[in-house]
Protein backbone atom coordinates (compact mmCIF):
# COMPACT_ATOMS: atom_id res chain seq x y z
CA MET A 1 -70.00 -0.75 -25.76
CA SER A 2 -66.40 -0.44 -26.92
CA LYS A 3 -64.91 2.03 -29.39
CA ILE A 4 -62.74 0.35 -31.99
CA LEU A 5 -60.50 1.96 -34.60
CA ILE A 6 -59.71 -0.16 -37.68
CA LEU A 7 -56.99 0.88 -40.13
CA GLY A 8 -58.16 -0.42 -43.50
CA ALA A 9 -61.76 -0.52 -44.72
CA SER A 10 -61.54 -3.35 -47.24
CA TYR A 11 -60.85 -6.48 -45.21
CA GLY A 12 -61.46 -4.43 -42.09
CA SER A 13 -65.14 -4.10 -42.91
CA LEU A 14 -65.61 -7.85 -42.36
CA LEU A 15 -64.40 -7.62 -38.76
CA ALA A 16 -66.28 -4.33 -38.39
CA SER A 17 -69.56 -5.95 -39.45
CA LYS A 18 -69.28 -8.50 -36.62
CA LEU A 19 -68.50 -5.81 -34.04
CA LEU A 20 -71.30 -3.53 -35.23
CA PHE A 21 -73.77 -6.40 -35.00
CA ALA A 22 -72.83 -6.64 -31.33
CA GLY A 23 -73.47 -2.93 -30.76
CA HIS A 24 -69.92 -1.57 -30.68
CA GLU A 25 -68.76 1.67 -32.29
CA VAL A 26 -66.28 1.34 -35.17
CA LYS A 27 -64.23 3.94 -37.01
CA LEU A 28 -62.68 2.83 -40.32
CA VAL A 29 -59.57 4.63 -41.61
CA CYS A 30 -59.40 4.61 -45.40
CA LEU A 31 -58.97 6.70 -48.54
CA PRO A 32 -61.15 9.83 -48.91
CA ALA A 33 -63.43 8.38 -51.61
CA GLU A 34 -64.01 5.24 -49.52
CA ALA A 35 -64.67 7.30 -46.39
CA ASP A 36 -67.21 9.50 -48.18
CA LEU A 37 -69.06 6.46 -49.53
CA ILE A 38 -69.11 4.65 -46.17
CA ASN A 39 -70.27 7.78 -44.36
CA SER A 40 -73.10 8.33 -46.82
CA GLU A 41 -74.15 4.75 -47.63
CA GLY A 42 -72.49 2.48 -45.06
CA PHE A 43 -71.00 -0.79 -46.32
CA ARG A 44 -72.27 -4.24 -47.34
CA VAL A 45 -70.77 -7.63 -46.57
CA ARG A 46 -72.08 -10.65 -48.44
CA MET A 47 -71.40 -14.12 -47.06
CA PRO A 48 -72.53 -17.69 -47.68
CA VAL A 49 -74.27 -19.52 -44.84
CA ARG A 50 -74.20 -23.31 -44.71
CA GLY A 51 -77.53 -24.91 -45.57
CA ARG A 52 -78.90 -21.73 -47.12
CA ALA A 53 -79.20 -21.15 -50.87
CA GLU A 54 -79.26 -17.36 -50.64
CA GLN A 55 -76.25 -15.46 -49.36
CA VAL A 56 -76.73 -13.16 -46.41
CA VAL A 57 -76.18 -9.46 -47.06
CA ILE A 58 -75.09 -7.51 -43.98
CA ASP A 59 -75.89 -3.81 -44.34
CA SER A 60 -74.00 -1.70 -41.82
CA ARG A 61 -76.85 0.83 -41.73
CA GLN A 62 -79.13 -1.78 -40.19
CA LEU A 63 -76.79 -2.86 -37.37
CA ARG A 64 -76.94 -1.89 -33.69
CA GLY A 65 -73.51 -0.33 -33.61
CA LYS A 66 -72.37 2.90 -35.16
CA VAL A 67 -69.87 3.03 -38.03
CA SER A 68 -68.06 5.99 -39.56
CA ALA A 69 -64.99 6.45 -41.72
CA ALA A 70 -62.20 9.01 -41.86
CA GLY A 71 -58.79 9.77 -43.29
CA THR A 72 -55.50 9.29 -41.48
CA ASN A 73 -55.39 12.88 -40.22
CA ASP A 74 -58.88 12.87 -38.74
CA VAL A 75 -58.63 10.38 -35.88
CA ASN A 76 -57.04 10.31 -32.43
CA PRO A 77 -56.10 6.72 -31.46
CA ALA A 78 -56.24 7.60 -27.77
CA ASP A 79 -60.04 7.92 -28.08
CA TYR A 80 -60.43 4.15 -28.66
CA ASP A 81 -60.36 0.95 -26.63
CA LEU A 82 -58.77 -1.20 -29.35
CA VAL A 83 -57.02 -0.59 -32.67
CA GLY A 84 -57.36 -3.12 -35.50
CA LEU A 85 -54.60 -3.22 -38.12
CA ALA A 86 -56.26 -4.39 -41.34
CA MET A 87 -54.08 -2.86 -44.05
CA GLN A 88 -51.41 -4.81 -45.89
CA GLU A 89 -47.94 -4.41 -44.43
CA PRO A 90 -46.42 -2.19 -47.19
CA GLN A 91 -49.17 0.40 -46.64
CA TYR A 92 -47.97 1.29 -43.15
CA ARG A 93 -45.03 3.27 -44.47
CA SER A 94 -47.28 5.43 -46.69
CA PRO A 95 -47.47 9.16 -45.91
CA GLY A 96 -50.25 9.75 -43.42
CA VAL A 97 -50.56 6.10 -42.46
CA ARG A 98 -47.02 6.08 -41.05
CA GLU A 99 -47.76 9.09 -38.85
CA LEU A 100 -51.07 7.58 -37.68
CA LEU A 101 -49.32 4.30 -36.81
CA SER A 102 -46.80 6.27 -34.74
CA ALA A 103 -49.69 7.96 -32.93
CA VAL A 104 -51.20 4.53 -32.25
CA ALA A 105 -47.93 3.38 -30.68
CA LYS A 106 -47.70 6.50 -28.50
CA SER A 107 -51.34 6.16 -27.39
CA ARG A 108 -50.60 2.76 -25.82
CA VAL A 109 -54.02 1.52 -26.90
CA PRO A 110 -53.89 -2.27 -27.47
CA CYS A 111 -53.52 -3.29 -31.12
CA MET A 112 -54.94 -6.39 -32.79
CA SER A 113 -53.45 -7.06 -36.22
CA ILE A 114 -55.42 -8.97 -38.86
CA MET A 115 -52.57 -8.80 -41.36
CA ASN A 116 -51.10 -11.85 -43.10
CA MET A 117 -47.71 -10.37 -42.25
CA PRO A 118 -47.33 -10.30 -38.45
CA PRO A 119 -46.22 -6.93 -37.06
CA LEU A 120 -42.66 -6.98 -35.79
CA PRO A 121 -43.72 -6.22 -32.17
CA TYR A 122 -45.87 -9.36 -32.14
CA LEU A 123 -42.89 -11.44 -33.32
CA LYS A 124 -40.90 -10.08 -30.36
CA ARG A 125 -43.31 -11.98 -28.12
CA ILE A 126 -42.14 -15.32 -29.53
CA PRO A 127 -39.30 -16.64 -27.33
CA GLY A 128 -35.92 -17.16 -28.96
CA LEU A 129 -36.47 -15.22 -32.20
CA ASP A 130 -33.83 -12.75 -33.35
CA THR A 131 -36.31 -10.18 -34.65
CA ASP A 132 -33.58 -7.84 -35.93
CA ALA A 133 -32.64 -10.57 -38.42
CA LEU A 134 -36.26 -10.64 -39.64
CA LYS A 135 -36.37 -6.97 -40.66
CA PRO A 136 -35.44 -7.64 -44.34
CA ALA A 137 -38.85 -9.31 -44.74
CA PHE A 138 -40.59 -6.00 -44.01
CA THR A 139 -41.08 -3.16 -46.48
CA ASP A 140 -39.99 -0.73 -43.75
CA ALA A 141 -39.49 -2.33 -40.34
CA SER A 142 -38.84 1.05 -38.69
CA VAL A 143 -42.56 1.89 -38.63
CA TRP A 144 -42.89 -0.58 -35.71
CA ASP A 145 -40.03 0.83 -33.61
CA ALA A 146 -42.20 2.81 -31.18
CA PHE A 147 -44.51 -0.07 -30.24
CA ASP A 148 -44.50 -1.85 -26.90
CA HIS A 149 -44.69 -5.52 -27.91
CA ARG A 150 -46.86 -6.27 -24.88
CA LEU A 151 -49.64 -4.18 -26.47
CA VAL A 152 -49.67 -5.96 -29.84
CA THR A 153 -51.35 -9.23 -30.73
CA LEU A 154 -52.19 -11.09 -33.91
CA CYS A 155 -55.54 -12.26 -35.19
CA SER A 156 -55.21 -14.88 -37.93
CA PRO A 157 -57.01 -13.58 -41.04
CA ASP A 158 -58.41 -16.98 -41.98
CA PRO A 159 -61.70 -15.76 -43.51
CA GLN A 160 -61.23 -15.03 -47.21
CA ALA A 161 -62.93 -12.02 -48.79
CA VAL A 162 -62.62 -9.87 -51.90
CA ARG A 163 -63.98 -6.61 -53.18
CA PRO A 164 -65.91 -7.47 -56.37
CA PRO A 165 -64.18 -5.46 -59.13
CA ASP A 166 -67.46 -4.42 -60.77
CA GLU A 167 -69.06 -3.03 -57.61
CA ASN A 168 -68.57 -0.04 -55.32
CA VAL A 169 -65.66 -0.09 -52.88
CA ASN A 170 -68.07 -0.36 -49.94
CA VAL A 171 -69.03 -3.93 -50.94
CA LEU A 172 -67.13 -6.98 -49.66
CA GLN A 173 -67.76 -10.58 -50.76
CA VAL A 174 -66.78 -13.33 -48.31
CA THR A 175 -65.50 -16.37 -50.19
CA LEU A 176 -64.41 -18.56 -47.27
CA PRO A 177 -66.37 -17.89 -44.04
CA THR A 178 -63.97 -19.31 -41.45
CA ASN A 179 -63.11 -17.79 -38.06
CA PHE A 180 -60.77 -15.05 -36.92
CA LYS A 181 -58.43 -16.58 -34.32
CA VAL A 182 -56.86 -14.06 -31.97
CA ALA A 183 -53.93 -14.63 -29.63
CA SER A 184 -53.89 -13.22 -26.13
CA PHE A 185 -52.27 -9.95 -25.09
CA ASP A 186 -49.68 -9.77 -22.33
CA ASN A 187 -52.28 -7.95 -20.20
CA ALA A 188 -55.29 -9.35 -18.33
CA LYS A 189 -57.49 -6.28 -18.89
CA HIS A 190 -56.91 -6.32 -22.63
CA ASN A 191 -57.63 -10.05 -22.73
CA ASP A 192 -60.92 -9.42 -20.93
CA LEU A 193 -61.84 -7.10 -23.80
CA LEU A 194 -61.04 -9.79 -26.38
CA ARG A 195 -63.13 -12.35 -24.48
CA GLN A 196 -66.03 -9.90 -24.32
CA LEU A 197 -65.83 -9.26 -28.05
CA GLU A 198 -65.77 -13.03 -28.64
CA ARG A 199 -68.95 -13.48 -26.58
CA ASP A 200 -70.64 -10.54 -28.27
CA VAL A 201 -69.94 -11.90 -31.76
CA ASP A 202 -71.11 -15.38 -30.68
CA ASN A 203 -74.46 -13.97 -29.59
CA VAL A 204 -75.21 -12.29 -32.93
CA ARG A 205 -78.22 -13.56 -34.87
CA PHE A 206 -79.19 -12.36 -38.35
CA PRO A 207 -82.89 -11.53 -38.88
CA ALA A 208 -83.56 -13.79 -41.90
CA PRO A 209 -87.07 -14.30 -43.35
CA GLU A 210 -87.15 -17.80 -41.85
CA GLY A 211 -86.20 -16.45 -38.43
CA PRO A 212 -82.98 -15.44 -36.64
CA ILE A 213 -79.97 -17.41 -37.90
CA GLU A 214 -76.41 -17.79 -36.65
CA LEU A 215 -73.77 -16.35 -38.94
CA PRO A 216 -70.31 -17.76 -39.71
CA VAL A 217 -67.04 -15.87 -39.14
CA LYS A 218 -66.63 -15.80 -35.39
CA LEU A 219 -63.91 -14.28 -33.24
CA ARG A 220 -62.05 -17.02 -31.37
CA TYR A 221 -59.81 -16.02 -28.45
CA SER A 222 -56.84 -18.18 -27.44
CA GLU A 223 -54.43 -17.95 -24.54
CA SER A 224 -51.72 -19.28 -26.87
CA ILE A 225 -49.74 -16.67 -28.76
CA PHE A 226 -49.01 -19.30 -31.40
CA VAL A 227 -52.56 -19.88 -32.72
CA PRO A 228 -52.29 -17.27 -35.53
CA LEU A 229 -49.13 -18.99 -36.80
CA ALA A 230 -51.42 -21.65 -38.29
CA LYS A 231 -51.87 -19.28 -41.22
CA TRP A 232 -48.19 -19.49 -42.19
CA SER A 233 -48.46 -23.02 -43.59
CA MET A 234 -51.48 -21.95 -45.62
CA LEU A 235 -49.71 -18.91 -47.01
CA LEU A 236 -46.62 -20.83 -48.10
CA ALA A 237 -48.42 -23.89 -49.47
CA GLY A 238 -51.20 -21.92 -51.13
CA ASN A 239 -51.11 -18.13 -51.39
CA TYR A 240 -47.52 -17.63 -52.51
CA ARG A 241 -47.62 -20.64 -54.81
CA CYS A 242 -50.35 -18.82 -56.76
CA ILE A 243 -47.45 -16.75 -58.12
CA THR A 244 -45.94 -18.09 -61.34
CA PRO A 245 -42.97 -16.75 -63.34
CA ASP A 246 -45.21 -14.92 -65.79
CA GLY A 247 -48.66 -14.75 -64.16
CA THR A 248 -50.91 -16.28 -61.54
CA ARG A 249 -52.97 -19.35 -60.81
CA THR A 250 -55.82 -19.96 -58.39
CA ALA A 251 -55.21 -21.08 -54.85
CA GLN A 252 -57.06 -24.29 -55.65
CA GLU A 253 -54.61 -24.97 -58.49
CA ALA A 254 -51.62 -24.01 -56.36
CA VAL A 255 -52.54 -26.56 -53.70
CA HIS A 256 -53.99 -29.40 -55.77
CA THR A 257 -51.88 -29.41 -58.96
CA ASP A 258 -49.05 -31.07 -57.03
CA ILE A 259 -50.58 -32.21 -53.76
CA ALA A 260 -47.40 -33.96 -52.59
CA GLU A 261 -45.32 -30.80 -52.95
CA SER A 262 -48.06 -28.75 -51.27
CA LYS A 263 -48.12 -31.15 -48.32
CA SER A 264 -44.32 -31.07 -48.06
CA VAL A 265 -44.26 -27.25 -47.89
CA TYR A 266 -47.23 -27.13 -45.51
CA ASN A 267 -45.77 -29.66 -43.09
CA PHE A 268 -42.34 -28.02 -43.19
CA VAL A 269 -43.84 -24.71 -42.05
CA TYR A 270 -46.01 -26.59 -39.53
CA ASP A 271 -42.81 -28.03 -38.06
CA VAL A 272 -41.21 -24.58 -37.92
CA CYS A 273 -44.18 -23.41 -35.84
CA LEU A 274 -43.86 -26.39 -33.49
CA ARG A 275 -40.19 -25.62 -32.97
CA LEU A 276 -41.06 -22.03 -32.06
CA GLY A 277 -43.35 -23.32 -29.31
CA ALA A 278 -46.73 -23.99 -30.93
CA ARG A 279 -48.69 -27.14 -30.08
CA ASP A 280 -50.54 -29.37 -32.53
CA GLU A 281 -53.84 -28.05 -31.16
CA ASP A 282 -52.77 -24.51 -32.11
CA LEU A 283 -52.35 -25.46 -35.76
CA VAL A 284 -54.45 -26.85 -38.63
CA PRO A 285 -53.68 -30.23 -40.25
CA PHE A 286 -52.91 -30.23 -43.97
CA GLU A 287 -55.95 -32.33 -44.88
CA LYS A 288 -58.34 -29.75 -43.45
CA TYR A 289 -56.61 -26.92 -45.31
CA ALA A 290 -56.48 -28.87 -48.58
CA ALA A 291 -60.23 -29.49 -48.38
CA ALA A 292 -60.91 -25.77 -47.81
CA ALA A 293 -58.59 -24.85 -50.70
CA GLN A 294 -60.92 -26.64 -53.13
CA SER A 295 -63.22 -23.60 -52.89
CA LEU A 296 -60.48 -20.99 -53.43
CA THR A 297 -61.07 -20.27 -57.09
CA ARG A 298 -59.16 -16.98 -57.31
CA PRO A 299 -55.45 -16.20 -57.13
CA ALA A 300 -54.35 -14.96 -53.70
CA SER A 301 -54.15 -11.20 -53.15
CA ALA A 302 -50.32 -11.23 -53.21
CA ALA A 303 -50.36 -12.88 -56.66
CA ARG A 304 -52.97 -10.44 -57.99
CA ALA A 305 -50.97 -7.49 -56.66
CA LEU A 306 -47.76 -8.69 -58.29
CA GLN A 307 -49.60 -9.17 -61.57
CA ASN A 308 -50.93 -5.61 -61.30
CA GLY A 309 -47.38 -4.26 -61.07
CA VAL A 310 -47.13 -3.19 -57.43
CA PRO A 311 -43.58 -2.53 -56.15
CA ASN A 312 -44.13 -4.10 -52.70
CA ILE A 313 -46.25 -6.90 -51.25
CA GLU A 314 -46.42 -8.59 -47.86
CA ARG A 315 -43.43 -10.93 -47.62
CA ALA A 316 -44.60 -13.67 -45.28
CA ASP A 317 -42.70 -16.00 -47.63
CA LYS A 318 -39.42 -14.31 -46.79
CA LEU A 319 -40.34 -14.06 -43.11
CA VAL A 320 -40.89 -17.82 -42.82
CA GLN A 321 -37.68 -18.49 -44.75
CA LEU A 322 -35.65 -16.29 -42.37
CA ILE A 323 -37.25 -17.82 -39.27
CA ALA A 324 -36.56 -21.33 -40.58
CA ARG A 325 -32.91 -20.41 -41.18
CA GLN A 326 -32.61 -19.30 -37.54
CA LEU A 327 -33.68 -22.84 -36.66
CA GLY A 328 -31.16 -24.35 -39.11
CA LEU A 329 -33.90 -25.39 -41.54
CA ARG A 330 -34.61 -24.72 -45.19
CA HIS A 331 -36.96 -26.03 -47.88
CA PRO A 332 -36.08 -25.85 -51.60
CA VAL A 333 -39.61 -24.90 -52.67
CA ILE A 334 -39.74 -22.02 -50.20
CA ASP A 335 -36.36 -20.82 -51.43
CA ARG A 336 -37.72 -20.89 -54.99
CA ILE A 337 -40.84 -18.97 -53.94
CA VAL A 338 -38.75 -16.23 -52.31
CA ASP A 339 -36.47 -15.98 -55.34
CA LEU A 340 -39.45 -15.79 -57.69
CA VAL A 341 -41.17 -13.06 -55.68
CA ASP A 342 -37.89 -11.12 -55.44
CA THR A 343 -37.50 -11.36 -59.23
CA ARG A 344 -41.03 -10.27 -60.01
CA LEU A 345 -40.93 -7.36 -57.56
CA HIS A 346 -37.64 -6.21 -59.09
CA ALA A 347 -39.25 -6.25 -62.53
CA ASN A 348 -42.24 -4.27 -61.24
CA ARG A 349 -39.95 -1.65 -59.69
CA GLN A 350 -37.95 -1.31 -62.88
CA LYS A 351 -41.13 -0.77 -64.90
CA ALA A 352 -42.35 1.83 -62.42
CA ALA A 353 -39.02 3.65 -62.52
CA ALA A 354 -39.04 3.73 -66.33
CA LYS A 355 -42.39 5.53 -66.50
């Protein structure tokens, strides 16, 4: 049994459910109201299973592992075997979270990020990147200064999930049950842990009325550090194109309204990843992504956050733009996306300042 600390109980509860099934112990770091609810009632994850009319409901109280939740001041990262980073990038500079992240760095416990925005230490593992020039894409890049890049890896957050707005915050609805794909660490012992977690999740069976069934959303380990970069094409062709000048659109609309433009953006980012060192087998072809996007009937989280007036969102759009420029590349649609997000964030900050 391993002890795993996960910062962020929303998306983090999806990964936690898989680990708890396998008998591991998980501590979720979240807001006080969330922590109280999880400690008293556990959490639920609903997910569709292919070939089954009824969705599966995973109740953390019925799993082999032990789950608990706490605030940022109530955990010691050194007590854990692995730390999962499941908050959105702007949250790491928040009071309390920033100090906990610093404690994580000092503990030298290996960290697996499941953020859309890769942590800066992970980017330092990609040969040839000038990571100092990438800092403007981060809300506050200094929160990553204390990390040893050899102890940080990235797990592509491919599964899509939302908290239903009319339900308690301990409920998560999976909308696209794909796999988490985690890159290796620069350490054999830490990679052994990832492989063990992969096997444990593979062996999980859900006790359905018709008998034990295999669940989707696996953990897939890869020796390649480039596998999580497959998400970048999806983010730029889909997620950030959900953002419009005065509102949002669904990811399905963003991808399929102008399929030629979507494919152009997707393949441009795909090529950026190849130039960084990725192989075709590390990445996902556009046709497979476009087919999956047919089921994405909500705006992406970045678009919803902008619409709700937040002053900062994850800027994977700007990150990819800056990386492409280091390679002497640019795409007019990506430049327009970055300009649009900059404009809308500026407007949100002005509104917040006027209150």
